[in-house]
């Protein structure tokens, strides 16, 4: 059996409530039906590493690695700073893929991700791309429905970019399974591993 696995940072309830308010604010900015499939509150998270399809045996290795890596890293803080179309600001003729909240680059987050991926690569079962990647945290607020977005006149497409200030402490990492349902993705927590105290 294969599992669709990722390692994530869960968000506290106060941050989730603030993000729901931002979804409502953006929905109101569209004069017609909002062309966005919004992320449900319970699905908000920051992805540390996406592993994709993982077998039962590999899943045991992932849980073991997550526990070992968590023990080696201290708790740290993250700041979410900006709401925008993603994964980058689109040109006027382009359709964005999502609306997300991006944060400040974090050396602690980068070190955690690199340690996770190096540890899993050492198991010889996982192969991660080593090209330069953005080390900023982000949370997906919603996915843009391309067809509906294109139907909106360019001059009527709102500029949803906005500064935001949301700070959170990261004290654990979670191994999550994504199940694709007709109603959308459902995330199941398979293991939560505390980081060392600061």
N, C-alpha and C. Protein backbone atom coordinates (compact mmCIF):
# COMPACT_ATOMS: atom_id res chain seq x y z
N UNK A 1 0.84 -1.20 0.00
CA UNK A 1 0.00 0.00 0.00
C UNK A 1 0.88 1.25 0.00
N UNK A 2 0.50 2.23 -0.81
CA UNK A 2 1.25 3.47 -0.89
C UNK A 2 0.53 4.59 -0.15
N UNK A 3 1.32 5.45 0.46
CA UNK A 3 0.79 6.59 1.20
C UNK A 3 1.39 7.87 0.60
N UNK A 4 0.58 8.90 0.48
CA UNK A 4 1.05 10.20 -0.02
C UNK A 4 1.46 11.01 1.21
N UNK A 5 2.77 11.18 1.41
CA UNK A 5 3.30 11.66 2.68
C UNK A 5 4.01 13.00 2.53
N UNK A 6 3.83 13.86 3.54
CA UNK A 6 4.63 15.07 3.64
C UNK A 6 4.91 15.36 5.11
N UNK A 7 5.93 16.13 5.35
CA UNK A 7 6.30 16.52 6.71
C UNK A 7 6.01 18.01 6.84
N UNK A 8 5.31 18.36 7.92
CA UNK A 8 4.75 19.71 8.00
C UNK A 8 4.89 20.30 9.40
N UNK A 9 4.65 21.59 9.44
CA UNK A 9 4.52 22.33 10.69
C UNK A 9 3.05 22.71 10.82
N UNK A 10 2.44 22.30 11.90
CA UNK A 10 1.03 22.64 12.14
C UNK A 10 0.94 24.07 12.66
N UNK A 11 -0.21 24.68 12.44
CA UNK A 11 -0.43 26.07 12.85
C UNK A 11 -1.35 26.13 14.06
N UNK A 12 -1.10 27.05 14.98
CA UNK A 12 -2.00 27.20 16.12
C UNK A 12 -3.35 27.77 15.69
N UNK A 13 -4.35 27.58 16.53
CA UNK A 13 -5.71 27.96 16.16
C UNK A 13 -5.85 29.46 15.89
N UNK A 14 -5.13 30.30 16.64
CA UNK A 14 -5.27 31.74 16.42
C UNK A 14 -4.76 32.15 15.04
N UNK A 15 -3.72 31.48 14.54
CA UNK A 15 -3.22 31.76 13.20
C UNK A 15 -4.23 31.28 12.16
N UNK A 16 -4.80 30.10 12.38
CA UNK A 16 -5.80 29.58 11.44
C UNK A 16 -7.00 30.52 11.35
N UNK A 17 -7.46 31.03 12.48
CA UNK A 17 -8.60 31.96 12.47
C UNK A 17 -8.26 33.24 11.71
N UNK A 18 -7.05 33.72 11.87
CA UNK A 18 -6.63 34.93 11.14
C UNK A 18 -6.60 34.67 9.64
N UNK A 19 -6.20 33.48 9.23
CA UNK A 19 -6.16 33.15 7.81
C UNK A 19 -7.56 33.00 7.22
N UNK A 20 -8.49 32.48 8.00
CA UNK A 20 -9.89 32.41 7.55
C UNK A 20 -10.44 33.81 7.32
N UNK A 21 -10.10 34.74 8.19
CA UNK A 21 -10.55 36.13 8.00
C UNK A 21 -9.98 36.71 6.71
N UNK A 22 -8.74 36.36 6.39
CA UNK A 22 -8.14 36.83 5.14
C UNK A 22 -8.84 36.22 3.93
N UNK A 23 -9.23 34.96 4.02
CA UNK A 23 -10.00 34.35 2.92
C UNK A 23 -11.31 35.11 2.70
N UNK A 24 -11.99 35.45 3.78
CA UNK A 24 -13.25 36.20 3.67
C UNK A 24 -13.01 37.58 3.05
N UNK A 25 -11.91 38.23 3.45
CA UNK A 25 -11.59 39.56 2.92
C UNK A 25 -11.37 39.49 1.41
N UNK A 26 -10.62 38.49 0.97
CA UNK A 26 -10.32 38.38 -0.45
C UNK A 26 -11.56 38.00 -1.24
N UNK A 27 -12.39 37.11 -0.70
CA UNK A 27 -13.64 36.75 -1.38
C UNK A 27 -14.47 38.00 -1.67
N UNK A 28 -14.52 38.91 -0.72
CA UNK A 28 -15.32 40.13 -0.89
C UNK A 28 -14.73 41.08 -1.93
N UNK A 29 -13.47 40.90 -2.31
CA UNK A 29 -12.84 41.78 -3.28
C UNK A 29 -13.27 41.46 -4.71
N UNK A 30 -13.81 40.26 -4.94
CA UNK A 30 -14.26 39.89 -6.28
C UNK A 30 -15.71 40.33 -6.47
N UNK A 31 -15.96 41.06 -7.56
CA UNK A 31 -17.32 41.56 -7.80
C UNK A 31 -18.25 40.44 -8.24
N UNK A 32 -17.67 39.40 -8.88
CA UNK A 32 -18.46 38.24 -9.26
C UNK A 32 -18.06 37.07 -8.34
N UNK A 33 -18.46 35.87 -8.71
CA UNK A 33 -18.13 34.71 -7.89
C UNK A 33 -16.61 34.57 -7.75
N UNK A 34 -16.16 34.36 -6.54
CA UNK A 34 -14.72 34.26 -6.28
C UNK A 34 -14.16 32.98 -6.90
N UNK A 35 -13.17 33.09 -7.81
CA UNK A 35 -12.66 31.92 -8.53
C UNK A 35 -11.56 31.18 -7.76
N UNK A 36 -11.80 30.91 -6.50
CA UNK A 36 -10.78 30.29 -5.66
C UNK A 36 -11.41 29.14 -4.87
N UNK A 37 -10.72 28.00 -4.87
CA UNK A 37 -11.11 26.89 -4.00
C UNK A 37 -10.29 27.03 -2.72
N UNK A 38 -10.95 27.49 -1.67
CA UNK A 38 -10.24 27.83 -0.44
C UNK A 38 -9.82 26.59 0.35
N UNK A 39 -8.64 26.68 0.95
CA UNK A 39 -8.16 25.64 1.86
C UNK A 39 -9.01 25.65 3.13
N UNK A 40 -9.42 24.47 3.56
CA UNK A 40 -10.19 24.38 4.80
C UNK A 40 -9.29 24.67 6.01
N UNK A 41 -9.88 25.20 7.05
CA UNK A 41 -9.13 25.60 8.25
C UNK A 41 -8.25 24.47 8.78
N UNK A 42 -8.80 23.25 8.82
CA UNK A 42 -8.06 22.13 9.41
C UNK A 42 -6.87 21.70 8.54
N UNK A 43 -6.82 22.19 7.29
CA UNK A 43 -5.75 21.79 6.38
C UNK A 43 -4.60 22.81 6.29
N UNK A 44 -4.71 23.94 6.98
CA UNK A 44 -3.63 24.92 6.96
C UNK A 44 -2.37 24.30 7.57
N UNK A 45 -1.23 24.48 6.89
CA UNK A 45 0.04 23.98 7.41
C UNK A 45 1.18 24.62 6.63
N UNK A 46 2.39 24.46 7.14
CA UNK A 46 3.60 24.84 6.42
C UNK A 46 4.34 23.55 6.07
N UNK A 47 4.55 23.31 4.79
CA UNK A 47 5.24 22.11 4.36
C UNK A 47 6.75 22.26 4.59
N UNK A 48 7.34 21.27 5.25
CA UNK A 48 8.79 21.23 5.41
C UNK A 48 9.40 20.42 4.26
N UNK A 49 8.81 19.26 3.97
CA UNK A 49 9.31 18.42 2.89
C UNK A 49 8.18 17.53 2.38
N UNK A 50 8.03 17.47 1.06
CA UNK A 50 7.01 16.61 0.45
C UNK A 50 7.71 15.36 -0.07
N UNK A 51 7.23 14.19 0.37
CA UNK A 51 7.87 12.93 0.01
C UNK A 51 7.17 12.20 -1.12
N UNK A 52 5.88 12.45 -1.32
CA UNK A 52 5.14 11.76 -2.36
C UNK A 52 4.72 10.37 -1.94
N UNK A 53 4.67 9.43 -2.87
CA UNK A 53 4.17 8.08 -2.59
C UNK A 53 5.21 7.28 -1.80
N UNK A 54 4.77 6.73 -0.68
CA UNK A 54 5.66 6.03 0.25
C UNK A 54 5.02 4.70 0.61
N UNK A 55 5.81 3.63 0.59
CA UNK A 55 5.30 2.31 0.95
C UNK A 55 5.20 2.17 2.47
N UNK A 56 4.58 1.10 2.93
CA UNK A 56 4.47 0.85 4.37
C UNK A 56 5.85 0.78 5.03
N UNK A 57 6.78 0.06 4.40
CA UNK A 57 8.13 -0.06 4.97
C UNK A 57 8.84 1.29 4.99
N UNK A 58 8.70 2.04 3.90
CA UNK A 58 9.33 3.36 3.84
C UNK A 58 8.73 4.30 4.87
N UNK A 59 7.44 4.16 5.13
CA UNK A 59 6.79 5.02 6.11
C UNK A 59 7.41 4.83 7.49
N UNK A 60 7.78 3.61 7.83
CA UNK A 60 8.46 3.37 9.11
C UNK A 60 9.79 4.12 9.16
N UNK A 61 10.50 4.15 8.02
CA UNK A 61 11.76 4.90 7.95
C UNK A 61 11.52 6.40 8.10
N UNK A 62 10.44 6.90 7.51
CA UNK A 62 10.11 8.32 7.61
C UNK A 62 9.82 8.70 9.06
N UNK A 63 9.03 7.91 9.75
CA UNK A 63 8.70 8.20 11.14
C UNK A 63 9.94 8.16 12.02
N UNK A 64 10.81 7.21 11.77
CA UNK A 64 12.06 7.10 12.53
C UNK A 64 12.95 8.31 12.27
N UNK A 65 13.08 8.70 11.00
CA UNK A 65 13.92 9.84 10.64
C UNK A 65 13.37 11.14 11.25
N UNK A 66 12.05 11.31 11.20
CA UNK A 66 11.44 12.52 11.75
C UNK A 66 11.72 12.64 13.24
N UNK A 67 11.65 11.51 13.95
CA UNK A 67 11.92 11.52 15.39
C UNK A 67 13.38 11.89 15.65
N UNK A 68 14.29 11.30 14.89
CA UNK A 68 15.72 11.57 15.08
C UNK A 68 16.06 13.02 14.78
N UNK A 69 15.52 13.53 13.68
CA UNK A 69 15.81 14.91 13.28
C UNK A 69 15.23 15.90 14.28
N UNK A 70 14.02 15.66 14.73
CA UNK A 70 13.39 16.55 15.72
C UNK A 70 14.25 16.65 16.98
N UNK A 71 14.83 15.54 17.39
CA UNK A 71 15.68 15.54 18.59
C UNK A 71 16.91 16.40 18.42
N UNK A 72 17.35 16.59 17.17
CA UNK A 72 18.59 17.34 16.90
C UNK A 72 18.37 18.84 16.73
N UNK A 73 17.12 19.29 16.70
CA UNK A 73 16.84 20.70 16.40
C UNK A 73 16.06 21.35 17.54
N UNK A 74 16.39 22.63 17.76
CA UNK A 74 15.69 23.40 18.78
C UNK A 74 14.42 24.04 18.21
N UNK A 75 13.49 24.34 19.08
CA UNK A 75 12.32 25.12 18.69
C UNK A 75 12.77 26.46 18.12
N UNK A 76 11.94 27.02 17.23
CA UNK A 76 12.29 28.31 16.63
C UNK A 76 11.01 29.05 16.26
N UNK A 77 11.17 30.29 15.83
CA UNK A 77 10.03 31.13 15.48
C UNK A 77 9.99 31.39 13.98
N UNK A 78 8.78 31.54 13.47
CA UNK A 78 8.56 31.91 12.07
C UNK A 78 7.63 33.11 12.02
N UNK A 79 7.79 33.92 10.96
CA UNK A 79 6.92 35.08 10.76
C UNK A 79 6.31 35.02 9.36
N UNK A 80 4.98 35.10 9.30
CA UNK A 80 4.26 35.18 8.03
C UNK A 80 3.99 36.65 7.74
N UNK A 81 4.35 37.11 6.54
CA UNK A 81 4.41 38.55 6.30
C UNK A 81 3.56 39.07 5.14
N UNK A 82 3.23 38.25 4.14
CA UNK A 82 2.60 38.82 2.95
C UNK A 82 1.62 37.84 2.32
N UNK A 83 0.47 38.36 1.91
CA UNK A 83 -0.50 37.60 1.14
C UNK A 83 -0.40 38.02 -0.32
N UNK A 84 -0.36 37.04 -1.22
CA UNK A 84 -0.22 37.37 -2.64
C UNK A 84 -0.67 36.19 -3.49
N UNK A 85 -0.76 36.44 -4.79
CA UNK A 85 -0.90 35.33 -5.72
C UNK A 85 0.42 34.57 -5.73
N UNK A 86 0.36 33.26 -5.97
CA UNK A 86 1.59 32.47 -5.96
C UNK A 86 1.62 31.50 -7.13
N UNK A 87 2.73 30.82 -7.33
CA UNK A 87 3.93 30.88 -6.49
C UNK A 87 4.77 32.13 -6.71
N UNK A 88 4.39 32.98 -7.66
CA UNK A 88 5.03 34.29 -7.84
C UNK A 88 3.96 35.21 -8.42
N UNK A 89 4.21 36.49 -8.33
CA UNK A 89 3.24 37.45 -8.86
C UNK A 89 3.10 37.24 -10.37
N UNK A 90 1.89 36.98 -10.87
CA UNK A 90 1.72 36.71 -12.30
C UNK A 90 1.77 37.98 -13.13
N UNK A 91 2.17 37.82 -14.39
CA UNK A 91 2.06 38.91 -15.35
C UNK A 91 0.56 39.13 -15.62
N UNK A 92 0.18 40.31 -16.12
CA UNK A 92 -1.24 40.59 -16.34
C UNK A 92 -1.97 39.54 -17.17
N UNK A 93 -1.28 38.93 -18.13
CA UNK A 93 -1.94 37.95 -19.01
C UNK A 93 -1.95 36.55 -18.40
N UNK A 94 -1.25 36.35 -17.29
CA UNK A 94 -1.14 35.03 -16.70
C UNK A 94 -2.23 34.78 -15.65
N UNK A 95 -2.50 33.51 -15.43
CA UNK A 95 -3.42 33.11 -14.38
C UNK A 95 -2.60 32.55 -13.22
N UNK A 96 -2.72 33.09 -12.03
CA UNK A 96 -1.97 32.54 -10.89
C UNK A 96 -2.49 31.15 -10.53
N UNK A 97 -1.66 30.37 -9.87
CA UNK A 97 -2.06 29.03 -9.47
C UNK A 97 -2.72 29.01 -8.10
N UNK A 98 -2.34 29.94 -7.25
CA UNK A 98 -2.85 29.91 -5.88
C UNK A 98 -2.79 31.29 -5.24
N UNK A 99 -3.39 31.37 -4.08
CA UNK A 99 -3.23 32.51 -3.20
C UNK A 99 -2.57 31.96 -1.94
N UNK A 100 -1.49 32.59 -1.53
CA UNK A 100 -0.80 32.06 -0.36
C UNK A 100 -0.28 33.16 0.55
N UNK A 101 0.15 32.75 1.73
CA UNK A 101 0.80 33.63 2.69
C UNK A 101 2.26 33.21 2.73
N UNK A 102 3.15 34.15 2.48
CA UNK A 102 4.59 33.84 2.52
C UNK A 102 5.22 34.52 3.72
N UNK A 103 6.33 33.94 4.15
CA UNK A 103 6.99 34.45 5.35
C UNK A 103 8.43 34.82 5.12
N UNK A 104 9.07 35.27 6.17
CA UNK A 104 10.47 35.62 6.12
C UNK A 104 11.32 34.36 5.97
N UNK A 105 12.42 34.47 5.25
CA UNK A 105 13.34 33.35 5.14
C UNK A 105 13.83 32.96 6.52
N UNK A 106 13.99 31.66 6.71
CA UNK A 106 14.35 31.15 8.03
C UNK A 106 15.50 30.15 7.91
N UNK A 107 16.64 30.49 8.53
CA UNK A 107 17.77 29.57 8.54
C UNK A 107 17.44 28.31 9.32
N UNK A 108 16.65 28.46 10.39
CA UNK A 108 16.29 27.30 11.20
C UNK A 108 15.40 26.34 10.42
N UNK A 109 14.46 26.88 9.63
CA UNK A 109 13.60 26.04 8.81
C UNK A 109 14.41 25.34 7.73
N UNK A 110 15.34 26.07 7.11
CA UNK A 110 16.19 25.48 6.08
C UNK A 110 17.03 24.35 6.65
N UNK A 111 17.60 24.57 7.83
CA UNK A 111 18.44 23.54 8.45
C UNK A 111 17.62 22.30 8.79
N UNK A 112 16.40 22.51 9.27
CA UNK A 112 15.52 21.39 9.61
C UNK A 112 15.18 20.58 8.36
N UNK A 113 14.80 21.29 7.28
CA UNK A 113 14.46 20.59 6.04
C UNK A 113 15.65 19.83 5.48
N UNK A 114 16.82 20.48 5.47
CA UNK A 114 18.01 19.83 4.91
C UNK A 114 18.38 18.58 5.71
N UNK A 115 18.26 18.67 7.03
CA UNK A 115 18.58 17.52 7.88
C UNK A 115 17.60 16.37 7.61
N UNK A 116 16.32 16.71 7.49
CA UNK A 116 15.32 15.68 7.18
C UNK A 116 15.64 14.98 5.86
N UNK A 117 15.91 15.76 4.83
CA UNK A 117 16.12 15.19 3.51
C UNK A 117 17.45 14.44 3.42
N UNK A 118 18.48 14.94 4.11
CA UNK A 118 19.76 14.22 4.14
C UNK A 118 19.62 12.91 4.88
N UNK A 119 18.86 12.92 5.98
CA UNK A 119 18.66 11.69 6.75
C UNK A 119 17.87 10.67 5.94
N UNK A 120 16.83 11.11 5.27
CA UNK A 120 16.03 10.19 4.45
C UNK A 120 16.79 9.73 3.22
N UNK A 121 17.62 10.58 2.64
CA UNK A 121 18.44 10.16 1.49
C UNK A 121 19.42 9.08 1.92
N UNK A 122 19.87 9.13 3.17
CA UNK A 122 20.78 8.12 3.68
C UNK A 122 20.14 6.75 3.77
N UNK A 123 18.81 6.71 3.77
CA UNK A 123 18.11 5.43 3.77
C UNK A 123 18.11 4.77 2.39
N UNK A 124 18.63 5.50 1.39
CA UNK A 124 18.74 4.99 0.01
C UNK A 124 17.38 4.79 -0.68
N UNK A 125 16.32 5.15 0.00
CA UNK A 125 14.99 4.95 -0.57
C UNK A 125 14.38 6.26 -1.08
N UNK A 126 15.00 7.38 -0.70
CA UNK A 126 14.45 8.68 -1.06
C UNK A 126 15.51 9.49 -1.78
N UNK A 127 15.08 10.20 -2.81
CA UNK A 127 16.00 11.01 -3.61
C UNK A 127 15.41 12.40 -3.75
N UNK A 128 16.09 13.38 -3.17
CA UNK A 128 15.59 14.75 -3.20
C UNK A 128 16.41 15.59 -4.16
N UNK A 129 15.72 16.47 -4.86
CA UNK A 129 16.40 17.40 -5.75
C UNK A 129 17.19 18.39 -4.90
N UNK A 130 18.43 18.65 -5.28
CA UNK A 130 19.29 19.50 -4.47
C UNK A 130 19.47 20.90 -5.05
N UNK A 131 18.65 21.26 -6.04
CA UNK A 131 18.80 22.59 -6.60
C UNK A 131 18.38 23.64 -5.56
N UNK A 132 18.82 24.85 -5.82
CA UNK A 132 18.49 25.96 -4.91
C UNK A 132 16.98 26.13 -4.84
N UNK A 133 16.44 26.17 -3.64
CA UNK A 133 15.00 26.34 -3.48
C UNK A 133 14.73 27.44 -2.46
N UNK A 134 13.61 28.09 -2.59
CA UNK A 134 13.22 29.14 -1.67
C UNK A 134 13.10 28.55 -0.26
N UNK A 135 13.64 29.24 0.70
CA UNK A 135 13.61 28.75 2.08
C UNK A 135 12.61 29.51 2.93
N UNK A 136 11.68 30.20 2.27
CA UNK A 136 10.65 30.93 3.00
C UNK A 136 9.46 30.02 3.28
N UNK A 137 8.90 30.12 4.48
CA UNK A 137 7.69 29.35 4.76
C UNK A 137 6.51 29.92 3.99
N UNK A 138 5.55 29.08 3.64
CA UNK A 138 4.32 29.60 3.05
C UNK A 138 3.15 28.69 3.42
N UNK A 139 1.99 29.29 3.42
CA UNK A 139 0.73 28.59 3.69
C UNK A 139 -0.20 28.85 2.52
N UNK A 140 -0.72 27.79 1.92
CA UNK A 140 -1.66 27.95 0.80
C UNK A 140 -3.04 28.30 1.35
N UNK A 141 -3.53 29.49 0.98
CA UNK A 141 -4.88 29.91 1.37
C UNK A 141 -5.94 29.30 0.46
N UNK A 142 -5.60 29.15 -0.82
CA UNK A 142 -6.56 28.59 -1.77
C UNK A 142 -5.93 28.42 -3.13
N UNK A 143 -6.58 27.60 -3.95
CA UNK A 143 -6.11 27.35 -5.31
C UNK A 143 -7.03 28.06 -6.30
N UNK A 144 -6.42 28.81 -7.21
CA UNK A 144 -7.18 29.58 -8.20
C UNK A 144 -7.74 28.63 -9.26
N UNK A 145 -9.03 28.78 -9.53
CA UNK A 145 -9.69 28.01 -10.59
C UNK A 145 -9.47 28.75 -11.91
N UNK A 146 -8.58 28.20 -12.75
CA UNK A 146 -8.09 28.92 -13.92
C UNK A 146 -9.21 29.37 -14.86
N UNK A 147 -10.12 28.48 -15.16
CA UNK A 147 -11.18 28.81 -16.11
C UNK A 147 -12.02 29.99 -15.62
N UNK A 148 -12.42 29.93 -14.37
CA UNK A 148 -13.24 31.00 -13.79
C UNK A 148 -12.46 32.31 -13.70
N UNK A 149 -11.17 32.21 -13.39
CA UNK A 149 -10.34 33.43 -13.28
C UNK A 149 -10.19 34.09 -14.64
N UNK A 150 -9.98 33.29 -15.70
CA UNK A 150 -9.84 33.86 -17.04
C UNK A 150 -11.11 34.56 -17.49
N UNK A 151 -12.25 34.13 -16.99
CA UNK A 151 -13.53 34.73 -17.40
C UNK A 151 -13.71 36.13 -16.83
N UNK A 152 -12.90 36.51 -15.85
CA UNK A 152 -12.99 37.85 -15.26
C UNK A 152 -12.13 38.81 -16.10
N UNK A 153 -12.70 39.93 -16.47
CA UNK A 153 -11.94 40.93 -17.23
C UNK A 153 -10.69 41.33 -16.45
N UNK A 154 -9.58 41.52 -17.18
CA UNK A 154 -8.30 41.79 -16.51
C UNK A 154 -8.39 42.97 -15.55
N UNK A 155 -9.09 44.03 -15.98
CA UNK A 155 -9.16 45.22 -15.13
C UNK A 155 -10.04 45.00 -13.90
N UNK A 156 -10.80 43.91 -13.88
CA UNK A 156 -11.66 43.62 -12.74
C UNK A 156 -11.04 42.61 -11.77
N UNK A 157 -9.86 42.11 -12.13
CA UNK A 157 -9.19 41.17 -11.24
C UNK A 157 -8.54 41.94 -10.10
N UNK A 158 -8.93 41.68 -8.87
CA UNK A 158 -8.42 42.50 -7.76
C UNK A 158 -6.95 42.21 -7.45
N UNK A 159 -6.27 43.24 -6.98
CA UNK A 159 -4.92 43.08 -6.45
C UNK A 159 -5.07 42.66 -5.00
N UNK A 160 -4.83 41.39 -4.73
CA UNK A 160 -5.09 40.87 -3.39
C UNK A 160 -3.87 40.98 -2.48
N UNK A 161 -2.76 41.52 -3.01
CA UNK A 161 -1.53 41.61 -2.22
C UNK A 161 -1.76 42.45 -0.97
N UNK A 162 -1.27 41.93 0.13
CA UNK A 162 -1.47 42.62 1.40
C UNK A 162 -0.40 42.20 2.39
N UNK A 163 0.08 43.15 3.18
CA UNK A 163 1.01 42.82 4.25
C UNK A 163 0.24 42.26 5.44
N UNK A 164 0.89 41.35 6.14
CA UNK A 164 0.27 40.72 7.29
C UNK A 164 1.39 40.46 8.30
N UNK A 165 1.04 40.35 9.55
CA UNK A 165 2.06 40.07 10.57
C UNK A 165 1.54 38.99 11.50
N UNK A 166 1.99 37.76 11.25
CA UNK A 166 1.58 36.61 12.06
C UNK A 166 2.84 35.85 12.48
N UNK A 167 3.07 35.78 13.77
CA UNK A 167 4.24 35.11 14.30
C UNK A 167 3.83 33.83 15.01
N UNK A 168 4.62 32.77 14.82
CA UNK A 168 4.32 31.52 15.49
C UNK A 168 5.59 30.83 15.93
N UNK A 169 5.47 30.11 17.02
CA UNK A 169 6.57 29.30 17.50
C UNK A 169 6.44 27.89 16.96
N UNK A 170 7.56 27.33 16.51
CA UNK A 170 7.58 25.97 15.97
C UNK A 170 8.21 25.06 17.02
N UNK A 171 7.44 24.15 17.58
CA UNK A 171 7.94 23.27 18.64
C UNK A 171 7.85 21.79 18.28
N UNK A 172 7.35 21.48 17.06
CA UNK A 172 7.26 20.08 16.65
C UNK A 172 7.15 20.01 15.14
N UNK A 173 7.40 18.81 14.60
CA UNK A 173 7.13 18.53 13.19
C UNK A 173 6.19 17.34 13.11
N UNK A 174 5.36 17.34 12.08
CA UNK A 174 4.33 16.31 11.93
C UNK A 174 4.52 15.54 10.63
N UNK A 175 4.38 14.23 10.71
CA UNK A 175 4.33 13.40 9.51
C UNK A 175 2.86 13.24 9.14
N UNK A 176 2.51 13.68 7.94
CA UNK A 176 1.12 13.74 7.53
C UNK A 176 0.89 12.88 6.28
N UNK A 177 -0.31 12.32 6.20
CA UNK A 177 -0.73 11.61 5.00
C UNK A 177 -1.86 12.39 4.33
N UNK A 178 -1.74 12.57 3.03
CA UNK A 178 -2.77 13.26 2.26
C UNK A 178 -3.62 12.23 1.53
N UNK A 179 -4.91 12.25 1.81
CA UNK A 179 -5.85 11.39 1.10
C UNK A 179 -6.72 12.27 0.21
N UNK A 180 -6.76 11.93 -1.07
CA UNK A 180 -7.55 12.73 -2.02
C UNK A 180 -8.97 12.18 -2.07
N UNK A 181 -9.92 13.01 -1.65
CA UNK A 181 -11.33 12.65 -1.64
C UNK A 181 -12.09 13.51 -2.64
N UNK A 182 -13.31 13.12 -2.95
CA UNK A 182 -14.11 13.95 -3.85
C UNK A 182 -14.33 15.34 -3.28
N UNK A 183 -14.40 15.42 -1.96
CA UNK A 183 -14.62 16.71 -1.31
C UNK A 183 -13.32 17.50 -1.14
N UNK A 184 -12.20 16.94 -1.61
CA UNK A 184 -10.91 17.60 -1.47
C UNK A 184 -9.95 16.76 -0.66
N UNK A 185 -8.76 17.29 -0.44
CA UNK A 185 -7.74 16.55 0.31
C UNK A 185 -8.10 16.49 1.79
N UNK A 186 -7.83 15.35 2.38
CA UNK A 186 -7.95 15.20 3.83
C UNK A 186 -6.59 14.79 4.37
N UNK A 187 -6.12 15.50 5.40
CA UNK A 187 -4.81 15.23 5.95
C UNK A 187 -4.94 14.48 7.27
N UNK A 188 -4.20 13.38 7.38
CA UNK A 188 -4.21 12.57 8.59
C UNK A 188 -2.84 12.65 9.27
N UNK A 189 -2.84 12.91 10.56
CA UNK A 189 -1.60 12.98 11.34
C UNK A 189 -1.15 11.56 11.67
N UNK A 190 0.07 11.21 11.24
CA UNK A 190 0.61 9.87 11.50
C UNK A 190 1.63 9.88 12.64
N UNK A 191 2.21 11.04 12.91
CA UNK A 191 3.17 11.13 14.01
C UNK A 191 3.57 12.56 14.22
N UNK A 192 3.69 12.97 15.48
CA UNK A 192 4.11 14.32 15.82
C UNK A 192 5.33 14.22 16.72
N UNK A 193 6.41 14.95 16.38
CA UNK A 193 7.67 14.79 17.07
C UNK A 193 8.18 16.16 17.57
N UNK A 194 8.32 16.29 18.89
CA UNK A 194 8.71 17.60 19.46
C UNK A 194 10.17 17.94 19.17
N UNK A 195 10.41 19.20 18.88
CA UNK A 195 11.77 19.71 18.80
C UNK A 195 12.29 19.94 20.22
N UNK A 196 13.60 20.04 20.34
CA UNK A 196 14.18 20.31 21.66
C UNK A 196 13.82 21.74 22.08
N UNK A 197 13.64 21.98 23.38
CA UNK A 197 13.35 23.34 23.82
C UNK A 197 14.48 24.29 23.48
N UNK A 198 14.16 25.57 23.33
CA UNK A 198 15.19 26.58 23.01
C UNK A 198 16.24 26.63 24.12
